[in-house]
N, C-alpha and C. Protein backbone atom coordinates (compact mmCIF):
# COMPACT_ATOMS: atom_id res chain seq x y z
N MET A 1 98.64 62.81 108.60
CA MET A 1 97.42 63.60 108.78
C MET A 1 96.68 63.75 107.47
N ASN A 2 95.41 63.50 107.47
CA ASN A 2 94.58 63.72 106.28
C ASN A 2 93.97 65.13 106.40
N LEU A 3 94.60 66.05 105.73
CA LEU A 3 94.23 67.46 105.91
C LEU A 3 92.87 67.78 105.27
N SER A 4 92.01 68.47 106.00
CA SER A 4 90.71 68.91 105.47
C SER A 4 90.76 70.42 105.30
N PHE A 5 89.80 70.94 104.56
CA PHE A 5 89.75 72.40 104.33
C PHE A 5 89.46 73.13 105.65
N ASP A 6 88.89 72.42 106.65
CA ASP A 6 88.61 73.08 107.94
C ASP A 6 89.89 73.58 108.58
N ALA A 7 90.99 72.95 108.24
CA ALA A 7 92.29 73.35 108.86
C ALA A 7 92.67 74.77 108.46
N ALA A 8 92.20 75.21 107.29
CA ALA A 8 92.51 76.55 106.83
C ALA A 8 91.80 77.58 107.70
N GLY A 9 90.57 77.28 108.12
CA GLY A 9 89.85 78.12 109.06
C GLY A 9 89.65 79.54 108.60
N GLU A 10 89.46 80.43 109.57
CA GLU A 10 89.22 81.84 109.28
C GLU A 10 90.42 82.48 108.61
N GLU A 11 91.62 82.05 108.95
CA GLU A 11 92.83 82.59 108.31
C GLU A 11 92.79 82.31 106.80
N GLY A 12 92.33 81.13 106.43
CA GLY A 12 92.26 80.77 105.03
C GLY A 12 91.29 81.63 104.29
N ILE A 13 90.12 81.91 104.89
CA ILE A 13 89.13 82.79 104.27
C ILE A 13 89.70 84.18 104.07
N GLN A 14 90.41 84.71 105.07
CA GLN A 14 91.00 86.01 104.99
C GLN A 14 92.06 86.02 103.89
N PHE A 15 92.83 84.96 103.81
CA PHE A 15 93.83 84.86 102.75
C PHE A 15 93.20 84.90 101.36
N PHE A 16 92.12 84.13 101.17
CA PHE A 16 91.42 84.13 99.92
C PHE A 16 90.91 85.55 99.58
N GLY A 17 90.43 86.23 100.60
CA GLY A 17 89.94 87.60 100.42
C GLY A 17 91.06 88.56 100.01
N ARG A 18 92.24 88.45 100.66
CA ARG A 18 93.36 89.34 100.32
C ARG A 18 93.81 89.13 98.89
N VAL A 19 93.89 87.87 98.46
CA VAL A 19 94.30 87.61 97.10
C VAL A 19 93.25 88.15 96.12
N SER A 20 91.97 87.92 96.41
CA SER A 20 90.91 88.41 95.54
C SER A 20 90.93 89.93 95.42
N ALA A 21 91.16 90.62 96.57
CA ALA A 21 91.19 92.06 96.57
C ALA A 21 92.37 92.57 95.75
N SER A 22 93.52 91.93 95.90
CA SER A 22 94.69 92.34 95.15
C SER A 22 94.48 92.17 93.64
N VAL A 23 93.89 91.02 93.24
CA VAL A 23 93.63 90.77 91.84
C VAL A 23 92.64 91.76 91.28
N SER A 24 91.59 92.11 92.05
CA SER A 24 90.59 93.05 91.58
C SER A 24 91.20 94.42 91.37
N HIS A 25 92.14 94.82 92.24
CA HIS A 25 92.83 96.12 92.07
C HIS A 25 93.64 96.09 90.77
N GLU A 26 94.30 94.98 90.49
CA GLU A 26 95.07 94.88 89.26
C GLU A 26 94.20 95.00 88.04
N ILE A 27 93.03 94.35 88.08
CA ILE A 27 92.10 94.44 86.95
C ILE A 27 91.59 95.84 86.77
N LYS A 28 91.29 96.49 87.90
CA LYS A 28 90.82 97.89 87.83
C LYS A 28 91.89 98.81 87.21
N ASN A 29 93.16 98.56 87.53
CA ASN A 29 94.24 99.34 86.94
C ASN A 29 94.28 99.14 85.43
N VAL A 30 94.11 97.91 85.02
CA VAL A 30 94.10 97.61 83.56
C VAL A 30 92.94 98.33 82.87
N LEU A 31 91.76 98.24 83.48
CA LEU A 31 90.58 98.92 82.92
C LEU A 31 90.75 100.43 82.87
N ALA A 32 91.40 101.01 83.84
CA ALA A 32 91.64 102.46 83.88
C ALA A 32 92.52 102.85 82.69
N ILE A 33 93.57 102.07 82.42
CA ILE A 33 94.44 102.36 81.31
C ILE A 33 93.72 102.22 79.96
N VAL A 34 92.94 101.14 79.85
CA VAL A 34 92.17 100.93 78.62
C VAL A 34 91.19 102.06 78.41
N ASN A 35 90.52 102.50 79.49
CA ASN A 35 89.54 103.59 79.40
C ASN A 35 90.22 104.90 78.99
N GLU A 36 91.39 105.16 79.59
CA GLU A 36 92.14 106.37 79.22
C GLU A 36 92.54 106.35 77.72
N THR A 37 93.00 105.20 77.26
CA THR A 37 93.42 105.07 75.88
C THR A 37 92.22 105.20 74.92
N ALA A 38 91.09 104.63 75.33
CA ALA A 38 89.88 104.78 74.50
C ALA A 38 89.48 106.22 74.42
N GLY A 39 89.66 106.96 75.52
CA GLY A 39 89.34 108.40 75.51
C GLY A 39 90.19 109.16 74.50
N LEU A 40 91.47 108.79 74.42
CA LEU A 40 92.34 109.45 73.47
C LEU A 40 91.92 109.15 72.03
N LEU A 41 91.54 107.87 71.81
CA LEU A 41 91.07 107.52 70.46
C LEU A 41 89.80 108.30 70.11
N GLU A 42 88.94 108.49 71.10
CA GLU A 42 87.73 109.29 70.85
C GLU A 42 88.10 110.74 70.53
N ASP A 43 89.11 111.30 71.25
CA ASP A 43 89.54 112.67 70.96
C ASP A 43 90.07 112.78 69.54
N PHE A 44 90.86 111.77 69.12
CA PHE A 44 91.39 111.80 67.73
C PHE A 44 90.24 111.74 66.70
N SER A 45 89.19 110.95 67.03
CA SER A 45 88.06 110.85 66.12
C SER A 45 87.38 112.22 65.98
N LEU A 46 87.19 112.91 67.08
CA LEU A 46 86.55 114.23 67.06
C LEU A 46 87.43 115.22 66.29
N MET A 47 88.73 115.15 66.47
CA MET A 47 89.66 116.03 65.76
C MET A 47 89.58 115.73 64.26
N ALA A 48 89.47 114.46 63.89
CA ALA A 48 89.39 114.08 62.49
C ALA A 48 88.10 114.64 61.87
N GLU A 49 86.99 114.58 62.64
CA GLU A 49 85.74 115.12 62.14
C GLU A 49 85.81 116.62 61.88
N GLN A 50 86.74 117.29 62.60
CA GLN A 50 86.93 118.74 62.41
C GLN A 50 88.00 119.08 61.42
N GLY A 51 88.52 118.02 60.76
CA GLY A 51 89.44 118.25 59.67
C GLY A 51 90.92 118.03 60.00
N THR A 52 91.23 117.68 61.24
CA THR A 52 92.62 117.43 61.60
C THR A 52 93.06 116.07 61.08
N PRO A 53 94.16 116.00 60.32
CA PRO A 53 94.59 114.72 59.79
C PRO A 53 94.97 113.74 60.91
N LEU A 54 94.60 112.48 60.73
CA LEU A 54 94.95 111.45 61.70
C LEU A 54 96.40 111.01 61.53
N ASP A 55 97.07 110.75 62.64
CA ASP A 55 98.46 110.29 62.61
C ASP A 55 98.42 108.78 62.76
N PRO A 56 98.68 108.01 61.70
CA PRO A 56 98.62 106.57 61.77
C PRO A 56 99.57 105.97 62.82
N ALA A 57 100.72 106.58 63.00
CA ALA A 57 101.66 106.07 64.00
C ALA A 57 101.13 106.15 65.41
N ARG A 58 100.44 107.28 65.71
CA ARG A 58 99.87 107.46 67.03
C ARG A 58 98.70 106.51 67.25
N LEU A 59 97.92 106.27 66.22
CA LEU A 59 96.79 105.34 66.33
C LEU A 59 97.32 103.93 66.56
N LYS A 60 98.40 103.58 65.82
CA LYS A 60 98.99 102.25 65.98
C LYS A 60 99.51 102.07 67.39
N ALA A 61 100.15 103.11 67.93
CA ALA A 61 100.69 103.07 69.29
C ALA A 61 99.60 102.89 70.33
N LEU A 62 98.47 103.59 70.16
CA LEU A 62 97.35 103.45 71.09
C LEU A 62 96.72 102.08 70.98
N SER A 63 96.62 101.57 69.77
CA SER A 63 96.05 100.25 69.58
C SER A 63 96.95 99.19 70.27
N GLY A 64 98.25 99.34 70.13
CA GLY A 64 99.20 98.43 70.77
C GLY A 64 99.10 98.50 72.27
N LYS A 65 98.86 99.70 72.80
CA LYS A 65 98.73 99.87 74.24
C LYS A 65 97.52 99.12 74.77
N ILE A 66 96.41 99.19 74.03
CA ILE A 66 95.20 98.48 74.43
C ILE A 66 95.43 96.97 74.39
N LYS A 67 96.07 96.48 73.32
CA LYS A 67 96.32 95.04 73.19
C LYS A 67 97.22 94.55 74.33
N LYS A 68 98.20 95.36 74.73
CA LYS A 68 99.09 95.01 75.82
C LYS A 68 98.31 94.85 77.10
N GLN A 69 97.39 95.74 77.37
CA GLN A 69 96.61 95.68 78.60
C GLN A 69 95.63 94.51 78.57
N VAL A 70 95.11 94.17 77.40
CA VAL A 70 94.22 93.00 77.27
C VAL A 70 95.01 91.74 77.60
N ARG A 71 96.26 91.63 77.10
CA ARG A 71 97.09 90.49 77.40
C ARG A 71 97.40 90.42 78.90
N ARG A 72 97.62 91.60 79.49
CA ARG A 72 97.89 91.63 80.93
C ARG A 72 96.67 91.19 81.73
N ALA A 73 95.50 91.66 81.34
CA ALA A 73 94.26 91.26 82.03
C ALA A 73 94.01 89.79 81.87
N ASP A 74 94.30 89.26 80.69
CA ASP A 74 94.11 87.83 80.43
C ASP A 74 95.01 86.99 81.39
N GLU A 75 96.26 87.42 81.58
CA GLU A 75 97.18 86.72 82.45
C GLU A 75 96.70 86.81 83.91
N ILE A 76 96.23 87.98 84.31
CA ILE A 76 95.74 88.18 85.68
C ILE A 76 94.56 87.24 85.97
N VAL A 77 93.64 87.18 85.02
CA VAL A 77 92.42 86.34 85.20
C VAL A 77 92.81 84.85 85.19
N LYS A 78 93.74 84.48 84.33
CA LYS A 78 94.20 83.08 84.31
C LYS A 78 94.81 82.69 85.66
N ASN A 79 95.64 83.56 86.21
CA ASN A 79 96.24 83.29 87.53
C ASN A 79 95.16 83.17 88.60
N MET A 80 94.18 84.05 88.57
CA MET A 80 93.13 84.00 89.56
C MET A 80 92.30 82.76 89.42
N ASN A 81 92.11 82.30 88.17
CA ASN A 81 91.34 81.08 87.92
C ASN A 81 92.11 79.87 88.48
N ARG A 82 93.39 79.83 88.25
CA ARG A 82 94.21 78.72 88.81
C ARG A 82 94.16 78.74 90.35
N PHE A 83 94.26 79.92 90.91
CA PHE A 83 94.19 80.03 92.37
C PHE A 83 92.83 79.57 92.88
N ALA A 84 91.77 79.99 92.23
CA ALA A 84 90.41 79.64 92.68
C ALA A 84 90.21 78.12 92.63
N HIS A 85 90.81 77.46 91.64
CA HIS A 85 90.65 76.00 91.51
C HIS A 85 91.51 75.22 92.52
N SER A 86 92.35 75.92 93.30
CA SER A 86 93.16 75.24 94.31
C SER A 86 92.30 74.67 95.42
N VAL A 87 91.04 75.08 95.52
CA VAL A 87 90.15 74.53 96.54
C VAL A 87 89.37 73.32 96.07
N ASP A 88 89.63 72.90 94.81
CA ASP A 88 88.85 71.82 94.24
C ASP A 88 89.07 70.48 94.92
N SER A 89 90.30 70.25 95.38
CA SER A 89 90.63 68.97 95.97
C SER A 89 91.49 69.13 97.22
N PRO A 90 91.22 68.35 98.27
CA PRO A 90 92.04 68.44 99.49
C PRO A 90 93.34 67.65 99.38
N ARG A 91 93.55 66.94 98.26
CA ARG A 91 94.78 66.16 98.13
C ARG A 91 95.07 65.87 96.65
N GLN A 92 96.23 66.32 96.20
CA GLN A 92 96.60 66.02 94.82
C GLN A 92 98.10 66.28 94.61
N ASP A 93 98.63 65.74 93.54
CA ASP A 93 100.00 66.01 93.19
C ASP A 93 100.15 67.44 92.69
N VAL A 94 101.15 68.12 93.19
CA VAL A 94 101.35 69.55 92.87
C VAL A 94 102.79 69.74 92.38
N ASP A 95 102.93 70.47 91.30
CA ASP A 95 104.26 70.90 90.83
C ASP A 95 104.61 72.16 91.60
N LEU A 96 105.56 72.04 92.52
CA LEU A 96 105.87 73.16 93.41
C LEU A 96 106.44 74.35 92.65
N GLY A 97 107.18 74.09 91.58
CA GLY A 97 107.68 75.18 90.76
C GLY A 97 106.59 76.00 90.13
N GLU A 98 105.57 75.33 89.61
CA GLU A 98 104.44 76.05 89.02
C GLU A 98 103.65 76.79 90.10
N THR A 99 103.52 76.19 91.28
CA THR A 99 102.81 76.85 92.37
C THR A 99 103.54 78.10 92.86
N LEU A 100 104.86 78.00 92.98
CA LEU A 100 105.64 79.16 93.36
C LEU A 100 105.57 80.29 92.32
N THR A 101 105.57 79.90 91.06
CA THR A 101 105.43 80.87 89.98
C THR A 101 104.09 81.61 90.10
N LEU A 102 103.03 80.86 90.36
CA LEU A 102 101.71 81.44 90.51
C LEU A 102 101.67 82.38 91.71
N MET A 103 102.16 81.94 92.86
CA MET A 103 102.07 82.77 94.05
C MET A 103 102.93 84.00 93.97
N CYS A 104 104.07 83.92 93.30
CA CYS A 104 104.91 85.11 93.07
C CYS A 104 104.16 86.11 92.21
N ALA A 105 103.40 85.61 91.21
CA ALA A 105 102.65 86.48 90.35
C ALA A 105 101.51 87.14 91.12
N LEU A 106 100.83 86.39 91.99
CA LEU A 106 99.72 86.92 92.76
C LEU A 106 100.19 87.91 93.83
N VAL A 107 101.36 87.72 94.40
CA VAL A 107 101.85 88.61 95.45
C VAL A 107 102.65 89.79 94.87
N GLU A 108 102.75 89.85 93.54
CA GLU A 108 103.55 90.86 92.89
C GLU A 108 103.14 92.29 93.26
N ARG A 109 101.82 92.52 93.40
CA ARG A 109 101.35 93.86 93.78
C ARG A 109 101.85 94.26 95.15
N VAL A 110 101.83 93.31 96.09
CA VAL A 110 102.34 93.57 97.44
C VAL A 110 103.84 93.92 97.37
N ALA A 111 104.59 93.17 96.55
CA ALA A 111 106.02 93.42 96.39
C ALA A 111 106.27 94.81 95.79
N THR A 112 105.54 95.14 94.74
CA THR A 112 105.72 96.41 94.06
C THR A 112 105.41 97.59 94.98
N MET A 113 104.34 97.48 95.77
CA MET A 113 103.99 98.53 96.70
C MET A 113 105.01 98.70 97.80
N SER A 114 105.78 97.62 98.09
CA SER A 114 106.83 97.67 99.10
C SER A 114 108.18 98.00 98.49
N GLY A 115 108.23 98.18 97.19
CA GLY A 115 109.51 98.49 96.52
C GLY A 115 110.44 97.33 96.45
N VAL A 116 109.92 96.12 96.45
CA VAL A 116 110.72 94.91 96.43
C VAL A 116 110.55 94.13 95.13
N THR A 117 111.61 93.55 94.61
CA THR A 117 111.56 92.72 93.41
C THR A 117 111.75 91.26 93.82
N LEU A 118 110.91 90.39 93.27
CA LEU A 118 111.02 88.94 93.54
C LEU A 118 111.73 88.28 92.35
N GLN A 119 112.68 87.42 92.64
CA GLN A 119 113.39 86.69 91.63
C GLN A 119 113.32 85.20 91.92
N LEU A 120 112.55 84.46 91.11
CA LEU A 120 112.32 83.05 91.34
C LEU A 120 113.40 82.24 90.67
N LYS A 121 113.99 81.31 91.44
CA LYS A 121 115.04 80.42 90.92
C LYS A 121 114.58 78.97 91.12
N LEU A 122 114.32 78.31 89.99
CA LEU A 122 113.80 76.94 90.02
C LEU A 122 114.86 75.95 89.53
N PRO A 123 114.82 74.70 89.99
CA PRO A 123 115.74 73.67 89.48
C PRO A 123 115.37 73.29 88.07
N GLY A 124 116.25 72.55 87.43
CA GLY A 124 116.02 72.16 86.04
C GLY A 124 114.92 71.13 85.84
N GLN A 125 114.50 70.46 86.89
CA GLN A 125 113.47 69.44 86.78
C GLN A 125 112.30 69.75 87.70
N PRO A 126 111.10 69.24 87.39
CA PRO A 126 109.94 69.50 88.23
C PRO A 126 110.13 68.97 89.66
N VAL A 127 109.57 69.66 90.64
CA VAL A 127 109.57 69.23 92.02
C VAL A 127 108.13 68.98 92.42
N LYS A 128 107.79 67.73 92.72
CA LYS A 128 106.40 67.39 93.02
C LYS A 128 106.20 67.12 94.52
N VAL A 129 105.04 67.51 95.01
CA VAL A 129 104.64 67.19 96.38
C VAL A 129 103.18 66.81 96.34
N VAL A 130 102.74 66.06 97.35
CA VAL A 130 101.34 65.73 97.50
C VAL A 130 100.80 66.55 98.62
N THR A 131 99.73 67.32 98.37
CA THR A 131 99.23 68.24 99.38
C THR A 131 97.83 68.74 99.05
N ALA A 132 97.29 69.57 99.94
CA ALA A 132 96.08 70.33 99.66
C ALA A 132 96.55 71.63 99.04
N PRO A 133 96.31 71.83 97.74
CA PRO A 133 96.86 72.98 97.02
C PRO A 133 96.56 74.34 97.66
N PHE A 134 95.33 74.50 98.13
CA PHE A 134 94.95 75.81 98.70
C PHE A 134 95.76 76.12 99.94
N VAL A 135 95.95 75.11 100.80
CA VAL A 135 96.72 75.31 102.03
C VAL A 135 98.17 75.59 101.70
N LEU A 136 98.72 74.88 100.72
CA LEU A 136 100.09 75.15 100.30
C LEU A 136 100.23 76.59 99.78
N ASN A 137 99.26 77.02 98.99
CA ASN A 137 99.26 78.41 98.51
C ASN A 137 99.30 79.40 99.67
N HIS A 138 98.50 79.10 100.71
CA HIS A 138 98.40 79.95 101.88
C HIS A 138 99.78 80.04 102.58
N ILE A 139 100.42 78.92 102.76
CA ILE A 139 101.76 78.89 103.40
C ILE A 139 102.76 79.69 102.60
N LEU A 140 102.79 79.48 101.30
CA LEU A 140 103.76 80.22 100.46
C LEU A 140 103.46 81.71 100.46
N TRP A 141 102.20 82.10 100.48
CA TRP A 141 101.81 83.53 100.54
C TRP A 141 102.38 84.14 101.82
N MET A 142 102.17 83.48 102.94
CA MET A 142 102.62 83.99 104.24
C MET A 142 104.16 84.18 104.22
N CYS A 143 104.87 83.19 103.67
CA CYS A 143 106.33 83.27 103.62
C CYS A 143 106.78 84.42 102.69
N LEU A 144 106.11 84.55 101.55
CA LEU A 144 106.44 85.61 100.59
C LEU A 144 106.19 86.99 101.21
N GLU A 145 105.04 87.16 101.89
CA GLU A 145 104.74 88.45 102.52
C GLU A 145 105.80 88.76 103.58
N THR A 146 106.17 87.74 104.40
CA THR A 146 107.17 87.95 105.43
C THR A 146 108.49 88.37 104.78
N ALA A 147 108.89 87.67 103.73
CA ALA A 147 110.16 87.99 103.05
C ALA A 147 110.14 89.38 102.44
N ILE A 148 109.01 89.77 101.83
CA ILE A 148 108.91 91.09 101.22
C ILE A 148 109.09 92.19 102.26
N HIS A 149 108.40 92.04 103.38
CA HIS A 149 108.46 93.08 104.42
C HIS A 149 109.83 93.07 105.11
N ALA A 150 110.48 91.93 105.17
CA ALA A 150 111.80 91.84 105.80
C ALA A 150 112.92 92.31 104.92
N ALA A 151 112.70 92.32 103.61
CA ALA A 151 113.74 92.69 102.66
C ALA A 151 114.01 94.18 102.66
N GLY A 152 112.94 95.00 102.70
CA GLY A 152 113.11 96.43 102.66
C GLY A 152 113.05 96.95 101.22
N ALA A 153 112.58 98.20 101.10
CA ALA A 153 112.42 98.82 99.78
C ALA A 153 113.74 98.89 99.04
N GLY A 154 113.66 98.68 97.74
CA GLY A 154 114.82 98.78 96.89
C GLY A 154 115.65 97.49 96.80
N HIS A 155 115.18 96.44 97.44
CA HIS A 155 115.96 95.18 97.44
C HIS A 155 115.26 94.08 96.63
N THR A 156 116.02 93.09 96.26
CA THR A 156 115.54 91.92 95.52
C THR A 156 115.58 90.70 96.45
N VAL A 157 114.46 89.96 96.44
CA VAL A 157 114.39 88.72 97.21
C VAL A 157 114.49 87.53 96.26
N ASP A 158 115.49 86.71 96.43
CA ASP A 158 115.60 85.46 95.68
C ASP A 158 114.73 84.39 96.34
N VAL A 159 113.86 83.76 95.56
CA VAL A 159 113.04 82.67 96.03
C VAL A 159 113.60 81.42 95.36
N ILE A 160 114.25 80.57 96.16
CA ILE A 160 115.03 79.45 95.63
C ILE A 160 114.42 78.13 96.01
N LEU A 161 114.06 77.34 95.02
CA LEU A 161 113.47 76.01 95.26
C LEU A 161 114.54 74.93 95.05
N SER A 162 114.58 74.01 95.99
CA SER A 162 115.52 72.89 95.85
C SER A 162 114.89 71.62 96.43
N GLU A 163 115.39 70.47 96.00
CA GLU A 163 114.82 69.19 96.45
C GLU A 163 115.90 68.29 96.99
N ARG A 164 115.58 67.60 98.11
CA ARG A 164 116.49 66.60 98.70
C ARG A 164 115.73 65.28 98.68
N ALA A 165 116.44 64.23 99.08
CA ALA A 165 115.82 62.90 99.07
C ALA A 165 114.65 62.82 100.01
N ASP A 166 114.73 63.54 101.16
CA ASP A 166 113.71 63.39 102.17
C ASP A 166 112.80 64.62 102.30
N CYS A 167 113.07 65.70 101.56
CA CYS A 167 112.26 66.89 101.73
C CYS A 167 112.46 67.84 100.54
N VAL A 168 111.67 68.91 100.59
CA VAL A 168 111.76 70.01 99.63
C VAL A 168 112.01 71.30 100.40
N ARG A 169 112.84 72.20 99.88
CA ARG A 169 113.13 73.44 100.56
C ARG A 169 112.87 74.64 99.65
N VAL A 170 112.34 75.68 100.28
CA VAL A 170 112.20 76.97 99.60
C VAL A 170 112.90 78.02 100.48
N LYS A 171 113.89 78.66 99.91
CA LYS A 171 114.62 79.70 100.65
C LYS A 171 114.30 81.09 100.10
N PHE A 172 114.19 82.02 101.05
CA PHE A 172 113.88 83.43 100.72
C PHE A 172 115.07 84.25 101.25
N GLN A 173 115.82 84.90 100.32
CA GLN A 173 117.02 85.59 100.74
C GLN A 173 117.42 86.67 99.71
N PRO A 174 118.25 87.68 100.15
CA PRO A 174 118.62 87.98 101.53
C PRO A 174 117.56 88.90 102.16
N LEU A 175 117.37 88.80 103.45
CA LEU A 175 116.40 89.58 104.16
C LEU A 175 117.11 90.55 105.11
N LYS A 176 116.75 91.81 105.03
CA LYS A 176 117.38 92.83 105.83
C LYS A 176 117.01 92.68 107.32
N ASP A 177 115.71 92.51 107.57
CA ASP A 177 115.21 92.42 108.94
C ASP A 177 114.35 91.15 109.06
N ILE A 178 114.78 90.20 109.90
CA ILE A 178 113.98 89.03 110.15
C ILE A 178 113.36 89.11 111.52
N VAL A 179 112.03 89.22 111.55
CA VAL A 179 111.31 89.34 112.82
C VAL A 179 111.19 87.94 113.39
N GLU A 180 111.71 87.74 114.61
CA GLU A 180 111.75 86.41 115.20
C GLU A 180 111.11 86.38 116.56
N THR A 181 110.66 85.22 116.95
CA THR A 181 110.20 84.94 118.31
C THR A 181 111.42 84.51 119.12
N PRO A 182 111.30 84.34 120.43
CA PRO A 182 112.43 83.91 121.23
C PRO A 182 113.08 82.61 120.79
N ASP A 183 112.27 81.72 120.14
CA ASP A 183 112.84 80.44 119.70
C ASP A 183 113.46 80.58 118.28
N GLY A 184 113.52 81.78 117.76
CA GLY A 184 114.21 82.01 116.49
C GLY A 184 113.35 81.85 115.25
N LEU A 185 112.04 81.68 115.40
CA LEU A 185 111.18 81.48 114.27
C LEU A 185 110.39 82.75 113.94
N PRO A 186 110.05 82.95 112.67
CA PRO A 186 109.25 84.11 112.30
C PRO A 186 107.89 84.09 113.01
N ILE A 187 107.35 85.29 113.25
CA ILE A 187 106.09 85.40 113.95
C ILE A 187 104.91 85.23 112.99
N PHE A 188 104.07 84.22 113.25
CA PHE A 188 102.81 84.05 112.56
C PHE A 188 101.72 83.91 113.62
N SER A 189 100.48 84.05 113.22
CA SER A 189 99.39 83.89 114.18
C SER A 189 99.29 82.45 114.63
N ASN A 190 98.63 82.21 115.74
CA ASN A 190 98.48 80.85 116.25
C ASN A 190 97.77 79.91 115.25
N PRO A 191 96.69 80.37 114.60
CA PRO A 191 96.05 79.46 113.64
C PRO A 191 97.00 79.08 112.49
N ALA A 192 97.82 80.03 112.07
CA ALA A 192 98.78 79.76 111.01
C ALA A 192 99.84 78.76 111.47
N ASN A 193 100.31 78.94 112.70
CA ASN A 193 101.31 78.01 113.25
C ASN A 193 100.74 76.60 113.35
N ALA A 194 99.47 76.50 113.74
CA ALA A 194 98.81 75.22 113.81
C ALA A 194 98.75 74.55 112.44
N LEU A 195 98.54 75.35 111.42
CA LEU A 195 98.53 74.86 110.02
C LEU A 195 99.87 74.28 109.65
N PHE A 196 100.94 74.96 110.00
CA PHE A 196 102.30 74.48 109.73
C PHE A 196 102.52 73.17 110.40
N ASP A 197 102.17 73.10 111.71
CA ASP A 197 102.40 71.89 112.47
C ASP A 197 101.62 70.70 111.90
N GLY A 198 100.37 70.93 111.51
CA GLY A 198 99.53 69.86 111.02
C GLY A 198 100.03 69.28 109.72
N LEU A 199 100.77 70.06 108.93
CA LEU A 199 101.28 69.55 107.67
C LEU A 199 102.68 69.00 107.76
N GLY A 200 103.31 69.12 108.92
CA GLY A 200 104.69 68.68 109.03
C GLY A 200 105.67 69.62 108.35
N VAL A 201 105.23 70.87 108.16
CA VAL A 201 106.08 71.89 107.55
C VAL A 201 106.90 72.57 108.62
N SER A 202 108.15 72.85 108.37
CA SER A 202 108.96 73.58 109.33
C SER A 202 109.49 74.86 108.72
N LEU A 203 109.71 75.84 109.58
CA LEU A 203 110.17 77.18 109.15
C LEU A 203 111.35 77.54 110.04
N ALA A 204 112.43 77.99 109.42
CA ALA A 204 113.61 78.38 110.19
C ALA A 204 114.22 79.64 109.55
N THR A 205 115.10 80.29 110.33
CA THR A 205 115.83 81.44 109.83
C THR A 205 117.30 81.22 110.00
N ASP A 206 118.07 81.83 109.11
CA ASP A 206 119.53 81.79 109.22
C ASP A 206 119.99 83.25 109.31
N ALA A 207 120.41 83.68 110.51
CA ALA A 207 120.78 85.08 110.72
C ALA A 207 122.04 85.44 109.92
N ILE A 208 122.90 84.49 109.67
CA ILE A 208 124.13 84.80 108.95
C ILE A 208 123.86 85.00 107.47
N LYS A 209 123.10 84.10 106.89
CA LYS A 209 122.77 84.22 105.46
C LYS A 209 121.57 85.12 105.22
N LYS A 210 120.96 85.56 106.30
CA LYS A 210 119.77 86.46 106.20
C LYS A 210 118.70 85.83 105.33
N GLU A 211 118.31 84.62 105.68
CA GLU A 211 117.31 83.90 104.87
C GLU A 211 116.26 83.23 105.73
N LEU A 212 115.12 83.06 105.11
CA LEU A 212 113.99 82.32 105.66
C LEU A 212 113.94 81.01 104.92
N ILE A 213 113.82 79.91 105.65
CA ILE A 213 113.87 78.56 105.02
C ILE A 213 112.62 77.80 105.35
N LEU A 214 111.88 77.47 104.31
CA LEU A 214 110.65 76.65 104.42
C LEU A 214 111.00 75.23 103.98
N THR A 215 110.75 74.25 104.88
CA THR A 215 111.03 72.86 104.56
C THR A 215 109.72 72.09 104.55
N LEU A 216 109.49 71.34 103.47
CA LEU A 216 108.25 70.59 103.31
C LEU A 216 108.52 69.12 103.02
N PRO A 217 107.72 68.22 103.57
CA PRO A 217 107.86 66.78 103.20
C PRO A 217 107.27 66.59 101.78
N HIS A 218 107.65 65.51 101.14
CA HIS A 218 107.12 65.25 99.80
C HIS A 218 105.61 64.96 99.83
N ASP A 219 105.14 64.45 100.92
CA ASP A 219 103.68 64.21 101.08
C ASP A 219 103.24 64.97 102.34
N LEU A 220 102.59 66.13 102.13
CA LEU A 220 102.19 67.00 103.23
C LEU A 220 100.91 66.49 103.90
N ASN A 221 100.29 65.48 103.33
CA ASN A 221 99.01 64.97 103.90
C ASN A 221 99.25 63.68 104.67
N ARG A 222 100.43 63.23 104.70
CA ARG A 222 100.70 61.88 105.31
C ARG A 222 100.54 61.96 106.84
């Protein structure tokens, strides 16, 4: 199948919106901290004008706090930029390890709000697939969200990437509650399921190991 962006459909637009909204919240949090710290610096300046000696250690600590938030904002924007460029091409070679790293970073806010920690485990060598990057991002986001909600607060989800001769696998484990359909597969919307079918991607669960297993061909556009 030669996948087009039309396959993403309305679900893809909503996915792009959810990621954008999450990133904007993160940036707002950074700006709030920077604004609060700037207010403290302003208070110290006013106190100094009134004769109160400045504490160099406190000034250094506040300066370091601002620098830390600037670095954080820079990383957030870089991730969003990489995500935005995933719509540039409907077919290209993708490093799945790098893509998983990006999606775990983008979904981090969802995980934190759910009280879940994500732990990414990558093989020692790059794992490459040929695909539409945006659609792959969408699939990984759906799996990550499912795993986060199935894990439960206070738990860690291992995201494990492995490669075989005929396919690539991403496992999400352990999951406390796996929501399944009668055929044993996680519940996604019909448009999302059509997206999986069109790419030759398969999704399975293992009730014993409490894991969600995503299997992808090396060429998702074939």
